[in-house]
PDB file of N, CA and C in Angstrom:
ATOM      1  N   UNK A   1      32.910   3.376  20.329  1.00  0.00           N
ATOM      2  CA  UNK A   1      33.726   3.811  20.776  1.00  0.00           C
ATOM      3  C   UNK A   1      34.943   2.179  21.686  1.00  0.00           C
ATOM      4  N   UNK A   2      36.119   2.069  22.154  1.00  0.00           N
ATOM      5  CA  UNK A   2      36.567   1.582  22.348  1.00  0.00           C
ATOM      6  C   UNK A   2      37.352   1.567  23.666  1.00  0.00           C
ATOM      7  N   UNK A   3      36.905   0.820  24.748  1.00  0.00           N
ATOM      8  CA  UNK A   3      37.448   0.549  25.829  1.00  0.00           C
ATOM      9  C   UNK A   3      38.602   0.202  26.397  1.00  0.00           C
ATOM     10  N   UNK A   4      39.620   0.313  27.301  1.00  0.00           N
ATOM     11  CA  UNK A   4      40.381  -0.426  27.942  1.00  0.00           C
ATOM     12  C   UNK A   4      40.255   0.287  29.547  1.00  0.00           C
ATOM     13  N   UNK A   5      41.722  -0.818  30.333  1.00  0.00           N
ATOM     14  CA  UNK A   5      41.058  -0.813  31.476  1.00  0.00           C
ATOM     15  C   UNK A   5      42.866  -1.005  31.902  1.00  0.00           C
ATOM     16  N   UNK A   6      43.163  -0.017  32.705  1.00  0.00           N
ATOM     17  CA  UNK A   6      44.601   0.223  32.770  1.00  0.00           C
ATOM     18  C   UNK A   6      44.868   0.308  34.266  1.00  0.00           C
ATOM     19  N   UNK A   7      46.024  -0.404  34.661  1.00  0.00           N
ATOM     20  CA  UNK A   7      45.618  -0.616  36.169  1.00  0.00           C
ATOM     21  C   UNK A   7      47.211   0.355  36.426  1.00  0.00           C
ATOM     22  N   UNK A   8      46.895   1.448  37.401  1.00  0.00           N
ATOM     23  CA  UNK A   8      47.811   2.187  38.137  1.00  0.00           C
ATOM     24  C   UNK A   8      47.823   1.679  39.258  1.00  0.00           C
ATOM     25  N   UNK A   9      49.246   2.031  39.863  1.00  0.00           N
ATOM     26  CA  UNK A   9      49.498   1.824  41.418  1.00  0.00           C
ATOM     27  C   UNK A   9      48.763   3.167  42.081  1.00  0.00           C
ATOM     28  N   UNK A  10      48.306   2.168  43.364  1.00  0.00           N
ATOM     29  CA  UNK A  10      47.539   3.113  44.833  1.00  0.00           C
ATOM     30  C   UNK A  10      48.472   3.882  45.044  1.00  0.00           C
ATOM     31  N   UNK A  11      50.379   4.127  44.762  1.00  0.00           N
ATOM     32  CA  UNK A  11      50.598   4.978  45.009  1.00  0.00           C
ATOM     33  C   UNK A  11      51.261   6.183  44.402  1.00  0.00           C
ATOM     34  N   UNK A  12      50.652   5.659  43.180  1.00  0.00           N
ATOM     35  CA  UNK A  12      50.649   7.229  41.539  1.00  0.00           C
ATOM     36  C   UNK A  12      49.460   8.392  42.446  1.00  0.00           C
ATOM     37  N   UNK A  13      49.814   9.694  42.591  1.00  0.00           N
ATOM     38  CA  UNK A  13      49.208  10.654  42.780  1.00  0.00           C
ATOM     39  C   UNK A  13      48.625  11.346  41.695  1.00  0.00           C
ATOM     40  N   UNK A  14      47.603  10.785  41.617  1.00  0.00           N
ATOM     41  CA  UNK A  14      46.205  11.794  40.522  1.00  0.00           C
ATOM     42  C   UNK A  14      44.870  10.590  40.486  1.00  0.00           C
ATOM     43  N   UNK A  15      43.956  11.278  39.634  1.00  0.00           N
ATOM     44  CA  UNK A  15      42.516  10.285  40.227  1.00  0.00           C
ATOM     45  C   UNK A  15      42.446  10.373  38.379  1.00  0.00           C
ATOM     46  N   UNK A  16      41.020   9.437  38.231  1.00  0.00           N
ATOM     47  CA  UNK A  16      41.123   9.185  37.036  1.00  0.00           C
ATOM     48  C   UNK A  16      40.487   9.991  35.556  1.00  0.00           C
ATOM     49  N   UNK A  17      40.685  11.337  36.217  1.00  0.00           N
ATOM     50  CA  UNK A  17      40.431  12.403  35.500  1.00  0.00           C
ATOM     51  C   UNK A  17      41.675  12.718  35.028  1.00  0.00           C
ATOM     52  N   UNK A  18      42.503  13.190  35.858  1.00  0.00           N
ATOM     53  CA  UNK A  18      43.747  13.543  35.706  1.00  0.00           C
ATOM     54  C   UNK A  18      44.754  12.596  34.157  1.00  0.00           C
ATOM     55  N   UNK A  19      44.389  11.185  34.594  1.00  0.00           N
ATOM     56  CA  UNK A  19      45.047  10.150  33.660  1.00  0.00           C
ATOM     57  C   UNK A  19      44.178  10.496  32.312  1.00  0.00           C
ATOM     58  N   UNK A  20      43.347  10.256  32.280  1.00  0.00           N
ATOM     59  CA  UNK A  20      42.673  10.380  30.973  1.00  0.00           C
ATOM     60  C   UNK A  20      42.899  11.758  30.244  1.00  0.00           C
ATOM     61  N   UNK A  21      42.995  12.956  30.760  1.00  0.00           N
ATOM     62  CA  UNK A  21      43.434  14.233  30.555  1.00  0.00           C
ATOM     63  C   UNK A  21      44.656  13.797  29.779  1.00  0.00           C
ATOM     64  N   UNK A  22      45.736  13.040  30.750  1.00  0.00           N
ATOM     65  CA  UNK A  22      47.206  13.273  29.802  1.00  0.00           C
ATOM     66  C   UNK A  22      47.164  12.031  29.164  1.00  0.00           C
ATOM     67  N   UNK A  23      45.984  10.854  28.884  1.00  0.00           N
ATOM     68  CA  UNK A  23      46.004   9.772  27.507  1.00  0.00           C
ATOM     69  C   UNK A  23      45.267  10.931  26.409  1.00  0.00           C
ATOM     70  N   UNK A  24      44.423  11.906  26.792  1.00  0.00           N
ATOM     71  CA  UNK A  24      43.562  12.838  25.889  1.00  0.00           C
ATOM     72  C   UNK A  24      44.533  13.878  24.976  1.00  0.00           C
ATOM     73  N   UNK A  25      45.716  13.980  26.001  1.00  0.00           N
ATOM     74  CA  UNK A  25      46.388  15.312  25.629  1.00  0.00           C
ATOM     75  C   UNK A  25      47.242  14.648  24.696  1.00  0.00           C
ATOM     76  N   UNK A  26      47.958  13.987  25.557  1.00  0.00           N
ATOM     77  CA  UNK A  26      48.706  13.145  24.373  1.00  0.00           C
ATOM     78  C   UNK A  26      48.645  12.981  22.879  1.00  0.00           C
ATOM     79  N   UNK A  27      47.644  12.269  23.018  1.00  0.00           N
ATOM     80  CA  UNK A  27      47.040  11.387  21.618  1.00  0.00           C
ATOM     81  C   UNK A  27      46.459  12.530  20.781  1.00  0.00           C
ATOM     82  N   UNK A  28      45.747  13.925  21.303  1.00  0.00           N
ATOM     83  CA  UNK A  28      45.417  14.814  20.367  1.00  0.00           C
ATOM     84  C   UNK A  28      47.289  15.894  20.300  1.00  0.00           C
ATOM     85  N   UNK A  29      48.219  15.709  21.142  1.00  0.00           N
ATOM     86  CA  UNK A  29      49.210  15.929  20.135  1.00  0.00           C
ATOM     87  C   UNK A  29      49.906  15.327  19.417  1.00  0.00           C
ATOM     88  N   UNK A  30      49.672  14.090  19.393  1.00  0.00           N
ATOM     89  CA  UNK A  30      50.693  13.619  18.425  1.00  0.00           C
ATOM     90  C   UNK A  30      49.314  13.120  16.970  1.00  0.00           C
ATOM     91  N   UNK A  31      48.500  14.031  17.094  1.00  0.00           N
ATOM     92  CA  UNK A  31      47.729  13.588  15.753  1.00  0.00           C
ATOM     93  C   UNK A  31      46.097  12.726  15.188  1.00  0.00           C
ATOM     94  N   UNK A  32      46.508  11.953  16.843  1.00  0.00           N
ATOM     95  CA  UNK A  32      45.276  10.481  16.944  1.00  0.00           C
ATOM     96  C   UNK A  32      43.827  11.386  17.427  1.00  0.00           C
ATOM     97  N   UNK A  33      43.848  12.497  17.850  1.00  0.00           N
ATOM     98  CA  UNK A  33      42.463  12.768  17.930  1.00  0.00           C
ATOM     99  C   UNK A  33      42.833  14.359  17.827  1.00  0.00           C
ATOM    100  N   UNK A  34      41.317  14.526  17.586  1.00  0.00           N
ATOM    101  CA  UNK A  34      40.911  15.724  17.050  1.00  0.00           C
ATOM    102  C   UNK A  34      40.525  16.538  18.712  1.00  0.00           C
ATOM    103  N   UNK A  35      40.538  18.140  18.321  1.00  0.00           N
ATOM    104  CA  UNK A  35      40.749  18.825  20.143  1.00  0.00           C
ATOM    105  C   UNK A  35      38.967  18.199  20.741  1.00  0.00           C
ATOM    106  N   UNK A  36      37.865  18.434  19.416  1.00  0.00           N
ATOM    107  CA  UNK A  36      36.134  17.780  19.891  1.00  0.00           C
ATOM    108  C   UNK A  36      36.635  15.674  20.552  1.00  0.00           C
ATOM    109  N   UNK A  37      37.362  15.138  19.664  1.00  0.00           N
ATOM    110  CA  UNK A  37      37.535  13.723  20.401  1.00  0.00           C
ATOM    111  C   UNK A  37      38.151  13.990  21.412  1.00  0.00           C
ATOM    112  N   UNK A  38      39.198  14.281  21.892  1.00  0.00           N
ATOM    113  CA  UNK A  38      40.205  14.386  22.984  1.00  0.00           C
ATOM    114  C   UNK A  38      39.397  14.757  24.489  1.00  0.00           C
ATOM    115  N   UNK A  39      38.143  15.688  24.290  1.00  0.00           N
ATOM    116  CA  UNK A  39      37.947  16.718  25.211  1.00  0.00           C
ATOM    117  C   UNK A  39      36.582  15.780  25.663  1.00  0.00           C
ATOM    118  N   UNK A  40      35.654  14.978  24.210  1.00  0.00           N
ATOM    119  CA  UNK A  40      34.733  13.894  24.577  1.00  0.00           C
ATOM    120  C   UNK A  40      35.187  12.900  25.643  1.00  0.00           C
ATOM    121  N   UNK A  41      36.765  12.666  25.092  1.00  0.00           N
ATOM    122  CA  UNK A  41      37.202  11.859  26.229  1.00  0.00           C
ATOM    123  C   UNK A  41      37.236  11.976  27.328  1.00  0.00           C
ATOM    124  N   UNK A  42      37.612  13.592  28.071  1.00  0.00           N
ATOM    125  CA  UNK A  42      37.827  13.533  29.125  1.00  0.00           C
ATOM    126  C   UNK A  42      36.504  14.049  29.699  1.00  0.00           C
ATOM    127  N   UNK A  43      35.152  14.517  29.092  1.00  0.00           N
ATOM    128  CA  UNK A  43      34.269  14.869  29.390  1.00  0.00           C
ATOM    129  C   UNK A  43      34.168  16.258  29.843  1.00  0.00           C
ATOM    130  N   UNK A  44      34.892  17.185  28.695  1.00  0.00           N
ATOM    131  CA  UNK A  44      34.897  18.574  29.140  1.00  0.00           C
ATOM    132  C   UNK A  44      34.568  19.197  27.556  1.00  0.00           C
ATOM    133  N   UNK A  45      34.224  20.657  27.617  1.00  0.00           N
ATOM    134  CA  UNK A  45      33.964  21.743  26.389  1.00  0.00           C
ATOM    135  C   UNK A  45      35.492  21.273  25.899  1.00  0.00           C
ATOM    136  N   UNK A  46      35.230  21.997  24.557  1.00  0.00           N
ATOM    137  CA  UNK A  46      36.210  21.828  23.626  1.00  0.00           C
ATOM    138  C   UNK A  46      37.002  23.287  24.382  1.00  0.00           C
ATOM    139  N   UNK A  47      36.586  24.181  24.747  1.00  0.00           N
ATOM    140  CA  UNK A  47      37.148  25.203  25.361  1.00  0.00           C
ATOM    141  C   UNK A  47      38.150  24.717  26.923  1.00  0.00           C
ATOM    142  N   UNK A  48      36.868  24.448  27.079  1.00  0.00           N
ATOM    143  CA  UNK A  48      37.768  23.728  28.958  1.00  0.00           C
ATOM    144  C   UNK A  48      38.933  22.613  28.700  1.00  0.00           C
ATOM    145  N   UNK A  49      38.739  21.895  27.520  1.00  0.00           N
ATOM    146  CA  UNK A  49      39.919  21.253  27.118  1.00  0.00           C
ATOM    147  C   UNK A  49      41.529  22.038  26.856  1.00  0.00           C
ATOM    148  N   UNK A  50      41.191  23.323  25.557  1.00  0.00           N
ATOM    149  CA  UNK A  50      42.392  24.043  25.239  1.00  0.00           C
ATOM    150  C   UNK A  50      42.829  25.098  27.029  1.00  0.00           C
ATOM    151  N   UNK A  51      42.027  25.030  27.066  1.00  0.00           N
ATOM    152  CA  UNK A  51      42.760  25.606  28.240  1.00  0.00           C
ATOM    153  C   UNK A  51      43.290  24.759  29.139  1.00  0.00           C
ATOM    154  N   UNK A  52      43.167  23.679  29.589  1.00  0.00           N
ATOM    155  CA  UNK A  52      44.345  22.775  30.296  1.00  0.00           C
ATOM    156  C   UNK A  52      45.357  22.531  29.650  1.00  0.00           C
ATOM    157  N   UNK A  53      45.140  22.607  28.570  1.00  0.00           N
ATOM    158  CA  UNK A  53      46.312  22.113  27.631  1.00  0.00           C
ATOM    159  C   UNK A  53      48.068  22.236  28.050  1.00  0.00           C
ATOM    160  N   UNK A  54      48.053  23.345  28.600  1.00  0.00           N
ATOM    161  CA  UNK A  54      48.953  24.285  29.234  1.00  0.00           C
ATOM    162  C   UNK A  54      49.870  23.370  29.977  1.00  0.00           C
ATOM    163  N   UNK A  55      48.777  22.915  31.026  1.00  0.00           N
ATOM    164  CA  UNK A  55      49.869  22.507  31.931  1.00  0.00           C
ATOM    165  C   UNK A  55      49.892  20.936  31.928  1.00  0.00           C
ATOM    166  N   UNK A  56      49.600  20.651  31.188  1.00  0.00           N
ATOM    167  CA  UNK A  56      50.050  19.351  30.194  1.00  0.00           C
ATOM    168  C   UNK A  56      51.411  19.601  29.559  1.00  0.00           C
ATOM    169  N   UNK A  57      51.480  20.465  29.241  1.00  0.00           N
ATOM    170  CA  UNK A  57      53.007  20.728  28.374  1.00  0.00           C
ATOM    171  C   UNK A  57      52.562  20.361  27.071  1.00  0.00           C
ATOM    172  N   UNK A  58      51.392  20.695  26.644  1.00  0.00           N
ATOM    173  CA  UNK A  58      50.645  20.093  25.209  1.00  0.00           C
ATOM    174  C   UNK A  58      50.412  21.776  24.196  1.00  0.00           C
ATOM    175  N   UNK A  59      50.807  21.928  22.854  1.00  0.00           N
ATOM    176  CA  UNK A  59      50.818  23.508  22.272  1.00  0.00           C
ATOM    177  C   UNK A  59      49.407  22.718  21.998  1.00  0.00           C
ATOM    178  N   UNK A  60      48.291  23.568  21.730  1.00  0.00           N
ATOM    179  CA  UNK A  60      46.837  24.257  21.862  1.00  0.00           C
ATOM    180  C   UNK A  60      46.821  23.988  20.146  1.00  0.00           C
ATOM    181  N   UNK A  61      48.389  24.715  19.408  1.00  0.00           N
ATOM    182  CA  UNK A  61      48.545  24.785  17.828  1.00  0.00           C
ATOM    183  C   UNK A  61      49.542  23.093  17.361  1.00  0.00           C
ATOM    184  N   UNK A  62      48.067  22.240  17.089  1.00  0.00           N
ATOM    185  CA  UNK A  62      48.482  21.128  16.656  1.00  0.00           C
ATOM    186  C   UNK A  62      48.977  20.467  15.434  1.00  0.00           C
ATOM    187  N   UNK A  63      50.414  21.283  14.862  1.00  0.00           N
ATOM    188  CA  UNK A  63      50.700  21.365  13.492  1.00  0.00           C
ATOM    189  C   UNK A  63      52.062  21.826  13.512  1.00  0.00           C
ATOM    190  N   UNK A  64      52.835  20.945  12.743  1.00  0.00           N
ATOM    191  CA  UNK A  64      54.300  21.414  12.784  1.00  0.00           C
ATOM    192  C   UNK A  64      54.591  22.346  12.400  1.00  0.00           C
ATOM    193  N   UNK A  65      56.003  22.716  12.898  1.00  0.00           N
ATOM    194  CA  UNK A  65      55.878  24.393  12.427  1.00  0.00           C
ATOM    195  C   UNK A  65      56.322  24.193  10.813  1.00  0.00           C
ATOM    196  N   UNK A  66      56.735  23.454  10.233  1.00  0.00           N
ATOM    197  CA  UNK A  66      56.821  23.464   8.867  1.00  0.00           C
ATOM    198  C   UNK A  66      55.704  24.222   8.253  1.00  0.00           C
ATOM    199  N   UNK A  67      54.318  23.494   8.485  1.00  0.00           N
ATOM    200  CA  UNK A  67      52.727  24.028   8.618  1.00  0.00           C
ATOM    201  C   UNK A  67      52.973  25.598   8.577  1.00  0.00           C
ATOM    202  N   UNK A  68      53.586  25.912   9.610  1.00  0.00           N
ATOM    203  CA  UNK A  68      53.512  27.873   9.796  1.00  0.00           C
ATOM    204  C   UNK A  68      54.148  28.238   9.540  1.00  0.00           C
ATOM    205  N   UNK A  69      55.593  27.807   9.462  1.00  0.00           N
ATOM    206  CA  UNK A  69      56.587  28.865   8.078  1.00  0.00           C
ATOM    207  C   UNK A  69      55.523  28.728   6.690  1.00  0.00           C
ATOM    208  N   UNK A  70      54.856  27.694   6.056  1.00  0.00           N
ATOM    209  CA  UNK A  70      54.476  27.745   4.725  1.00  0.00           C
ATOM    210  C   UNK A  70      52.942  28.910   4.650  1.00  0.00           C
ATOM    211  N   UNK A  71      52.253  28.630   6.405  1.00  0.00           N
ATOM    212  CA  UNK A  71      50.710  29.903   6.723  1.00  0.00           C
ATOM    213  C   UNK A  71      51.139  31.686   6.094  1.00  0.00           C
ATOM    214  N   UNK A  72      53.165  31.375   7.128  1.00  0.00           N
ATOM    215  CA  UNK A  72      53.227  32.770   7.175  1.00  0.00           C
ATOM    216  C   UNK A  72      53.403  33.281   6.035  1.00  0.00           C
ATOM    217  N   UNK A  73      54.288  32.714   5.073  1.00  0.00           N
ATOM    218  CA  UNK A  73      54.413  32.842   3.981  1.00  0.00           C
ATOM    219  C   UNK A  73      53.498  33.091   2.658  1.00  0.00           C
ATOM    220  N   UNK A  74      52.516  32.467   3.190  1.00  0.00           N
ATOM    221  CA  UNK A  74      51.180  32.608   2.465  1.00  0.00           C
ATOM    222  C   UNK A  74      50.760  34.015   3.114  1.00  0.00           C
ATOM    223  N   UNK A  75      50.935  34.234   3.858  1.00  0.00           N
ATOM    224  CA  UNK A  75      49.948  34.962   4.160  1.00  0.00           C
ATOM    225  C   UNK A  75      50.660  36.836   3.841  1.00  0.00           C
ATOM    226  N   UNK A  76      52.141  36.303   3.426  1.00  0.00           N
ATOM    227  CA  UNK A  76      52.734  37.667   3.456  1.00  0.00           C
ATOM    228  C   UNK A  76      52.479  38.042   1.928  1.00  0.00           C
ATOM    229  N   UNK A  77      52.763  36.933   0.966  1.00  0.00           N
ATOM    230  CA  UNK A  77      52.262  36.695  -0.369  1.00  0.00           C
ATOM    231  C   UNK A  77      50.948  37.385  -0.840  1.00  0.00           C
ATOM    232  N   UNK A  78      49.634  37.418   0.051  1.00  0.00           N
ATOM    233  CA  UNK A  78      48.184  38.186   0.297  1.00  0.00           C
ATOM    234  C   UNK A  78      48.633  39.464   1.092  1.00  0.00           C
ATOM    235  N   UNK A  79      49.586  39.484   1.568  1.00  0.00           N
ATOM    236  CA  UNK A  79      49.112  41.068   2.411  1.00  0.00           C
ATOM    237  C   UNK A  79      48.964  42.065   1.581  1.00  0.00           C
ATOM    238  N   UNK A  80      48.612  43.326   1.788  1.00  0.00           N
ATOM    239  CA  UNK A  80      48.091  44.442   1.155  1.00  0.00           C
ATOM    240  C   UNK A  80      49.767  45.246   1.399  1.00  0.00           C
TER     241      UNK A  80
END
């Protein structure tokens, strides 16, 4: 795993854990990290990480709406 150092002004009101959550949630949203990798980065379980995503305005569903449209169409093809 790679290590980076970020200098954040003292006037910014959040702690290290919140900064990691912001980074991890954005990387998850962009598809750069899996949910497991993002959770590990923050030091949380997958479930705890997923529960916090909404507070960072990141959707749990991490794929394009076009994929969802295709999934719905496929489900209709196979429904009884």
